[in-house]
């Protein structure tokens, strides 16, 4: 049995042996000069999978999101996003620091901003007192709402509003393919309801580095310039694009296993003393557990689980997160649920 079962994040995944071999043998060029054939192949594949014109390989999902914000906005504009979204909470104030825009966060219970709330938040740009609303950001799956999948009908309604108001939508699809497996909706269908899409290669897909930013050819041309400004222009980057291609070819179809293991985990710990968790809300590979007495604090639970070989991430005094991925299996899930029972029931 492994010494550690690591549920901290799907970012902890290790590249497969085939990925490592691809890294060693990758054909490379200078991507800033536009002649790395492996990167070009990756970008073409990503664009084709989402049914959009072009794609850009970026070092991280955060950079991809921040590039999109920068392309779609001007300094002094305002963007609308959900109050627990990654762009708002976990990108170090990037919209303000990088693009000079302010944010209008909308609070929700499940990550889906009510259409009327979005409509009401759009500024009157004819009023010189108001900033211009220039972008709507959505997150699918939604990390801080426990990997929830945004319903496709909701996204269609939001798209209808955005087109009417002539405001683009950026989709933070860090775990988009987990949503695809959970919903049965294709990546192309999701992408068709946004003007730009970011998805991560280094989470559930298991590649060691990188994310993709996808959109129109014009958008990606502008995005490439912003990537350069942010220091994201990379040279012989085919060595990390090669395992990313394998991730898209071989790792997408197995993501249902991670979703199933998360559901198994939720069913195994729901109902334990002090655990607030509805397994029906676990759509994909993230399980958020709210703790109430007699359960210990999230920090104390984290320590006690770590003593039993299970790693997690506390997200506050009473919230702890577990993420399933390719490097944890049913045995790891059982180890976690057993450790939970030991801590909470003795």
Protein backbone atom coordinates (compact mmCIF):
# COMPACT_ATOMS: atom_id res chain seq x y z
CA UNK A 1 0.00 0.00 0.00
CA UNK A 2 1.20 3.54 -0.77
CA UNK A 3 2.54 5.56 2.15
CA UNK A 4 0.43 8.58 1.17
CA UNK A 5 -2.95 9.04 -0.47
CA UNK A 6 -2.82 12.54 -1.90
CA UNK A 7 -6.22 14.21 -2.28
CA UNK A 8 -4.90 17.79 -2.12
CA UNK A 9 -5.57 18.51 -5.79
CA UNK A 10 -5.56 16.97 -9.23
CA UNK A 11 -2.51 19.15 -9.86
CA UNK A 12 -0.39 16.59 -7.99
CA UNK A 13 -0.72 14.03 -10.78
CA UNK A 14 2.51 12.64 -12.22
CA UNK A 15 3.15 12.27 -15.96
CA UNK A 16 2.68 8.77 -17.32
CA UNK A 17 5.65 6.75 -18.64
CA UNK A 18 4.46 7.46 -22.18
CA UNK A 19 4.42 11.18 -21.41
CA UNK A 20 7.97 11.01 -20.08
CA UNK A 21 9.13 9.22 -23.23
CA UNK A 22 7.42 11.85 -25.38
CA UNK A 23 9.22 14.60 -23.47
CA UNK A 24 12.58 12.99 -24.19
CA UNK A 25 11.96 12.56 -27.90
CA UNK A 26 9.92 15.68 -28.72
CA UNK A 27 10.72 17.58 -31.87
CA UNK A 28 11.21 21.19 -30.81
CA UNK A 29 11.76 24.68 -32.18
CA UNK A 30 11.52 28.20 -30.78
CA UNK A 31 7.86 28.80 -30.01
CA UNK A 32 8.28 32.57 -29.62
CA UNK A 33 9.54 32.61 -33.19
CA UNK A 34 6.60 30.39 -34.14
CA UNK A 35 8.47 27.28 -35.26
CA UNK A 36 7.97 24.65 -32.56
CA UNK A 37 6.05 21.95 -34.47
CA UNK A 38 4.97 20.08 -31.33
CA UNK A 39 3.38 23.19 -29.84
CA UNK A 40 1.68 23.89 -33.15
CA UNK A 41 0.25 20.38 -33.19
CA UNK A 42 -1.01 20.76 -29.61
CA UNK A 43 -2.66 24.10 -30.33
CA UNK A 44 -4.33 22.75 -33.46
CA UNK A 45 -5.62 19.73 -31.58
CA UNK A 46 -7.02 21.81 -28.72
CA UNK A 47 -8.80 24.16 -31.11
CA UNK A 48 -10.27 21.24 -33.04
CA UNK A 49 -11.52 19.52 -29.86
CA UNK A 50 -13.41 22.66 -28.84
CA UNK A 51 -14.59 23.54 -32.33
CA UNK A 52 -12.94 26.96 -32.24
CA UNK A 53 -10.50 28.60 -34.66
CA UNK A 54 -7.27 28.74 -32.71
CA UNK A 55 -5.54 27.98 -29.42
CA UNK A 56 -2.58 29.18 -27.40
CA UNK A 57 -0.40 27.08 -25.09
CA UNK A 58 0.19 28.92 -21.79
CA UNK A 59 2.16 27.93 -18.68
CA UNK A 60 -0.84 27.96 -16.32
CA UNK A 61 -4.58 28.30 -16.07
CA UNK A 62 -4.18 31.53 -14.14
CA UNK A 63 -2.17 33.05 -16.98
CA UNK A 64 -4.78 31.86 -19.48
CA UNK A 65 -7.59 33.49 -17.52
CA UNK A 66 -5.68 36.73 -17.02
CA UNK A 67 -4.76 36.93 -20.70
CA UNK A 68 -8.44 36.57 -21.59
CA UNK A 69 -9.43 39.32 -19.15
CA UNK A 70 -6.76 41.59 -20.63
CA UNK A 71 -7.76 40.95 -24.24
CA UNK A 72 -11.46 41.58 -23.64
CA UNK A 73 -11.16 44.71 -21.47
CA UNK A 74 -9.69 48.17 -21.20
CA UNK A 75 -8.35 49.78 -18.01
CA UNK A 76 -11.20 51.14 -15.92
CA UNK A 77 -13.72 48.57 -17.18
CA UNK A 78 -15.63 46.18 -14.97
CA UNK A 79 -16.04 42.41 -15.27
CA UNK A 80 -18.84 40.29 -13.83
CA UNK A 81 -17.95 37.02 -12.12
CA UNK A 82 -19.12 34.68 -9.38
CA UNK A 83 -18.08 35.59 -5.83
CA UNK A 84 -16.17 32.35 -5.20
CA UNK A 85 -14.65 32.02 -8.65
CA UNK A 86 -10.98 31.26 -9.17
CA UNK A 87 -10.39 34.51 -11.03
CA UNK A 88 -11.78 36.49 -8.09
CA UNK A 89 -10.32 34.54 -5.16
CA UNK A 90 -7.13 32.86 -6.30
CA UNK A 91 -5.37 34.86 -9.00
CA UNK A 92 -3.70 37.41 -6.71
CA UNK A 93 -5.85 40.32 -7.80
CA UNK A 94 -4.83 39.76 -11.40
CA UNK A 95 -7.71 41.65 -13.07
CA UNK A 96 -6.78 44.81 -11.15
CA UNK A 97 -3.00 44.37 -11.21
CA UNK A 98 -2.61 43.27 -14.81
CA UNK A 99 -5.58 44.74 -16.66
CA UNK A 100 -6.65 47.65 -14.47
CA UNK A 101 -10.25 46.49 -14.25
CA UNK A 102 -12.55 46.19 -11.28
CA UNK A 103 -14.72 43.18 -10.54
CA UNK A 104 -18.42 42.86 -9.82
CA UNK A 105 -18.83 39.61 -7.86
CA UNK A 106 -22.24 37.93 -7.70
CA UNK A 107 -22.90 35.57 -4.80
CA UNK A 108 -24.50 32.20 -5.54
CA UNK A 109 -25.20 28.88 -3.85
CA UNK A 110 -24.01 26.68 -6.72
CA UNK A 111 -21.72 28.75 -8.94
CA UNK A 112 -24.40 29.71 -11.49
CA UNK A 113 -24.97 33.48 -11.35
CA UNK A 114 -28.71 34.17 -11.72
CA UNK A 115 -29.42 35.62 -15.15
CA UNK A 116 -31.38 38.52 -13.69
CA UNK A 117 -28.53 39.28 -11.28
CA UNK A 118 -26.11 39.40 -14.19
CA UNK A 119 -28.49 41.60 -16.16
CA UNK A 120 -28.87 43.97 -13.21
CA UNK A 121 -25.09 44.18 -12.80
CA UNK A 122 -24.41 45.35 -16.35
CA UNK A 123 -23.48 49.04 -16.15
CA UNK A 124 -24.99 51.85 -18.16
CA UNK A 125 -21.94 52.81 -20.18
CA UNK A 126 -23.62 56.04 -21.30
CA UNK A 127 -23.39 57.28 -17.72
CA UNK A 128 -19.94 58.89 -17.23
CA UNK A 129 -20.04 57.91 -13.55
CA UNK A 130 -20.04 54.19 -14.39
CA UNK A 131 -17.38 51.81 -15.65
CA UNK A 132 -18.08 49.85 -18.80
CA UNK A 133 -19.07 46.23 -18.28
CA UNK A 134 -16.84 44.48 -20.78
CA UNK A 135 -16.71 40.79 -19.79
CA UNK A 136 -18.70 38.05 -18.06
CA UNK A 137 -16.65 35.19 -16.57
CA UNK A 138 -18.02 31.76 -15.70
CA UNK A 139 -16.32 28.72 -14.17
CA UNK A 140 -17.21 25.16 -15.19
CA UNK A 141 -16.67 23.02 -13.22
CA UNK A 142 -16.80 25.35 -10.23
CA UNK A 143 -13.97 24.60 -7.81
CA UNK A 144 -15.24 26.37 -4.69
CA UNK A 145 -18.73 25.02 -5.10
CA UNK A 146 -17.43 21.47 -4.98
CA UNK A 147 -16.86 20.81 -8.67
CA UNK A 148 -20.42 21.67 -9.65
CA UNK A 149 -21.31 21.58 -13.34
CA UNK A 150 -23.09 24.60 -14.79
CA UNK A 151 -26.30 23.43 -16.52
CA UNK A 152 -26.21 23.80 -20.29
CA UNK A 153 -29.62 25.51 -20.37
CA UNK A 154 -28.31 28.08 -17.92
CA UNK A 155 -25.27 28.72 -20.10
CA UNK A 156 -27.52 29.11 -23.15
CA UNK A 157 -29.58 31.73 -21.33
CA UNK A 158 -26.43 33.55 -20.25
CA UNK A 159 -25.16 33.45 -23.82
CA UNK A 160 -28.41 34.94 -25.07
CA UNK A 161 -28.00 37.81 -22.61
CA UNK A 162 -24.34 38.35 -23.53
CA UNK A 163 -25.10 38.52 -27.24
CA UNK A 164 -27.96 40.93 -26.68
CA UNK A 165 -25.75 43.16 -24.53
CA UNK A 166 -22.69 42.62 -26.77
CA UNK A 167 -20.55 41.52 -23.83
CA UNK A 168 -18.19 38.55 -24.36
CA UNK A 169 -18.12 35.50 -22.09
CA UNK A 170 -14.89 33.91 -20.90
CA UNK A 171 -15.18 30.33 -19.67
CA UNK A 172 -12.72 29.24 -17.01
CA UNK A 173 -12.93 25.58 -17.89
CA UNK A 174 -9.94 24.42 -15.84
CA UNK A 175 -11.74 21.09 -15.37
CA UNK A 176 -13.99 21.33 -18.42
CA UNK A 177 -13.59 17.69 -19.42
CA UNK A 178 -14.75 16.54 -15.98
CA UNK A 179 -17.92 18.51 -16.72
CA UNK A 180 -18.16 16.80 -20.11
CA UNK A 181 -18.19 13.36 -18.50
CA UNK A 182 -20.61 14.35 -15.75
CA UNK A 183 -23.13 16.03 -18.04
CA UNK A 184 -22.85 14.22 -21.34
CA UNK A 185 -22.47 17.65 -22.97
CA UNK A 186 -19.54 17.84 -25.38
CA UNK A 187 -16.66 20.25 -25.00
CA UNK A 188 -17.69 21.78 -28.32
CA UNK A 189 -21.19 22.51 -27.04
CA UNK A 190 -19.80 24.26 -23.98
CA UNK A 191 -17.23 26.19 -26.03
CA UNK A 192 -19.88 27.38 -28.48
CA UNK A 193 -21.49 29.33 -25.62
CA UNK A 194 -18.39 31.40 -24.87
CA UNK A 195 -16.05 33.76 -26.69
CA UNK A 196 -12.91 32.33 -25.07
CA UNK A 197 -12.19 29.17 -23.11
CA UNK A 198 -9.33 28.15 -20.86
CA UNK A 199 -8.78 24.54 -19.85
CA UNK A 200 -5.98 22.94 -17.86
CA UNK A 201 -3.74 20.13 -19.02
CA UNK A 202 -1.98 19.72 -15.66
CA UNK A 203 -5.00 18.79 -13.54
CA UNK A 204 -7.08 15.71 -14.26
CA UNK A 205 -5.48 15.21 -17.66
CA UNK A 206 -2.16 14.49 -15.96
CA UNK A 207 0.24 16.52 -18.09
CA UNK A 208 3.09 18.04 -16.07
CA UNK A 209 2.69 21.67 -17.16
CA UNK A 210 0.36 23.95 -19.03
CA UNK A 211 -3.10 25.07 -20.03
CA UNK A 212 -4.81 26.01 -23.27
CA UNK A 213 -6.54 29.24 -24.18
CA UNK A 214 -8.94 28.79 -27.08
CA UNK A 215 -11.02 31.20 -29.17
CA UNK A 216 -11.21 32.94 -32.52
CA UNK A 217 -8.09 33.46 -34.60
CA UNK A 218 -8.26 37.19 -33.90
CA UNK A 219 -8.61 36.63 -30.16
CA UNK A 220 -5.63 34.25 -30.07
CA UNK A 221 -3.48 36.66 -32.09
CA UNK A 222 -4.11 39.32 -29.45
CA UNK A 223 -3.68 36.78 -26.65
CA UNK A 224 -0.26 35.76 -27.97
CA UNK A 225 0.94 39.35 -27.58
CA UNK A 226 -0.38 39.54 -23.99
CA UNK A 227 1.29 36.21 -23.18
CA UNK A 228 4.59 37.73 -24.28
CA UNK A 229 4.05 40.77 -22.05
CA UNK A 230 3.41 38.50 -19.07
CA UNK A 231 6.60 36.52 -19.67
CA UNK A 232 4.77 33.47 -20.97
CA UNK A 233 6.58 33.29 -24.29
CA UNK A 234 8.51 30.02 -24.10
CA UNK A 235 11.24 28.66 -26.34
CA UNK A 236 11.80 24.91 -26.94
CA UNK A 237 8.50 24.23 -25.25
CA UNK A 238 7.71 21.18 -27.34
CA UNK A 239 9.21 19.14 -24.50
CA UNK A 240 6.12 19.93 -22.42
CA UNK A 241 3.69 20.19 -25.33
CA UNK A 242 4.43 16.55 -26.22
CA UNK A 243 2.99 15.09 -22.99
CA UNK A 244 0.08 17.55 -23.29
CA UNK A 245 -0.85 16.00 -26.64
CA UNK A 246 -0.87 12.57 -25.00
CA UNK A 247 -3.05 13.99 -22.24
CA UNK A 248 -5.63 15.09 -24.80
CA UNK A 249 -5.43 11.81 -26.71
CA UNK A 250 -5.42 9.35 -23.83
CA UNK A 251 -6.51 10.96 -20.54
CA UNK A 252 -9.82 12.64 -21.36
CA UNK A 253 -11.77 9.40 -21.65
CA UNK A 254 -10.78 8.18 -18.18
CA UNK A 255 -12.03 11.21 -16.24
CA UNK A 256 -15.32 9.50 -15.44
CA UNK A 257 -13.32 7.30 -13.05
CA UNK A 258 -12.27 10.34 -11.03
CA UNK A 259 -15.87 11.58 -10.90
CA UNK A 260 -17.03 8.15 -9.73
CA UNK A 261 -14.35 7.95 -7.05
CA UNK A 262 -15.40 11.37 -5.73
CA UNK A 263 -19.00 10.19 -5.48
CA UNK A 264 -17.80 7.03 -3.72
CA UNK A 265 -15.82 9.17 -1.29
CA UNK A 266 -18.82 11.43 -0.58
CA UNK A 267 -21.10 8.46 0.06
CA UNK A 268 -18.51 6.98 2.39
CA UNK A 269 -18.27 9.98 4.72
CA UNK A 270 -21.70 11.62 4.47
CA UNK A 271 -23.62 11.10 7.69
CA UNK A 272 -20.57 10.87 9.93
CA UNK A 273 -20.77 13.05 13.08
CA UNK A 274 -20.06 16.67 12.25
CA UNK A 275 -19.98 16.20 8.45
CA UNK A 276 -22.23 18.42 6.36
CA UNK A 277 -22.23 16.92 2.87
CA UNK A 278 -24.90 16.01 0.34
CA UNK A 279 -23.49 13.40 -2.07
CA UNK A 280 -26.06 14.45 -4.66
CA UNK A 281 -24.18 17.75 -5.05
CA UNK A 282 -20.91 15.99 -5.95
CA UNK A 283 -20.97 16.27 -9.73
CA UNK A 284 -17.33 15.68 -10.60
CA UNK A 285 -14.00 15.11 -8.87
CA UNK A 286 -14.12 17.63 -6.00
CA UNK A 287 -15.61 16.97 -2.57
CA UNK A 288 -16.03 19.92 -0.19
CA UNK A 289 -16.82 18.94 3.39
CA UNK A 290 -18.32 21.42 5.84
CA UNK A 291 -17.51 20.62 9.46
CA UNK A 292 -19.69 21.35 12.49
CA UNK A 293 -19.38 20.15 16.11
CA UNK A 294 -18.56 17.50 17.21
CA UNK A 295 -16.11 17.37 14.29
CA UNK A 296 -12.76 19.13 14.83
CA UNK A 297 -11.72 22.22 12.89
CA UNK A 298 -10.59 21.77 9.30
CA UNK A 299 -6.97 22.37 10.33
CA UNK A 300 -7.14 19.74 13.08
CA UNK A 301 -8.87 17.25 10.79
CA UNK A 302 -6.21 17.91 8.17
CA UNK A 303 -3.49 17.06 10.71
CA UNK A 304 -5.20 13.91 11.94
CA UNK A 305 -5.83 12.66 8.41
CA UNK A 306 -2.21 13.40 7.48
CA UNK A 307 -1.10 11.29 10.46
CA UNK A 308 -3.04 8.45 8.82
CA UNK A 309 -1.43 8.98 5.41
CA UNK A 310 -4.17 11.07 3.78
CA UNK A 311 -3.44 14.54 2.41
CA UNK A 312 -6.10 17.21 1.86
CA UNK A 313 -6.44 21.01 1.84
CA UNK A 314 -8.26 23.04 4.52
CA UNK A 315 -10.09 25.97 2.93
CA UNK A 316 -11.09 27.75 6.10
CA UNK A 317 -11.86 27.01 9.74
CA UNK A 318 -14.73 24.65 8.90
CA UNK A 319 -14.17 23.61 5.26
CA UNK A 320 -11.87 20.95 3.85
CA UNK A 321 -11.40 19.80 0.25
CA UNK A 322 -10.62 16.44 -1.34
CA UNK A 323 -9.91 16.02 -5.07
CA UNK A 324 -9.77 12.71 -6.91
CA UNK A 325 -7.47 12.14 -9.88
CA UNK A 326 -5.64 9.47 -11.84
CA UNK A 327 -3.11 8.81 -9.06
CA UNK A 328 -5.69 7.88 -6.42
CA UNK A 329 -7.90 4.83 -6.82
CA UNK A 330 -10.63 2.98 -4.92
CA UNK A 331 -8.07 1.77 -2.37
CA UNK A 332 -7.09 5.36 -1.63
CA UNK A 333 -10.75 6.33 -1.31
CA UNK A 334 -11.29 3.54 1.19
CA UNK A 335 -8.21 4.66 3.11
CA UNK A 336 -9.61 8.17 3.30
CA UNK A 337 -13.09 7.10 4.41
CA UNK A 338 -11.60 4.76 7.01
CA UNK A 339 -9.40 7.56 8.35
CA UNK A 340 -12.43 9.85 8.50
CA UNK A 341 -14.36 7.29 10.53
CA UNK A 342 -11.45 6.81 12.92
CA UNK A 343 -11.16 10.55 13.55
CA UNK A 344 -14.86 11.29 13.88
CA UNK A 345 -16.16 8.16 15.58
CA UNK A 346 -13.06 6.75 17.29
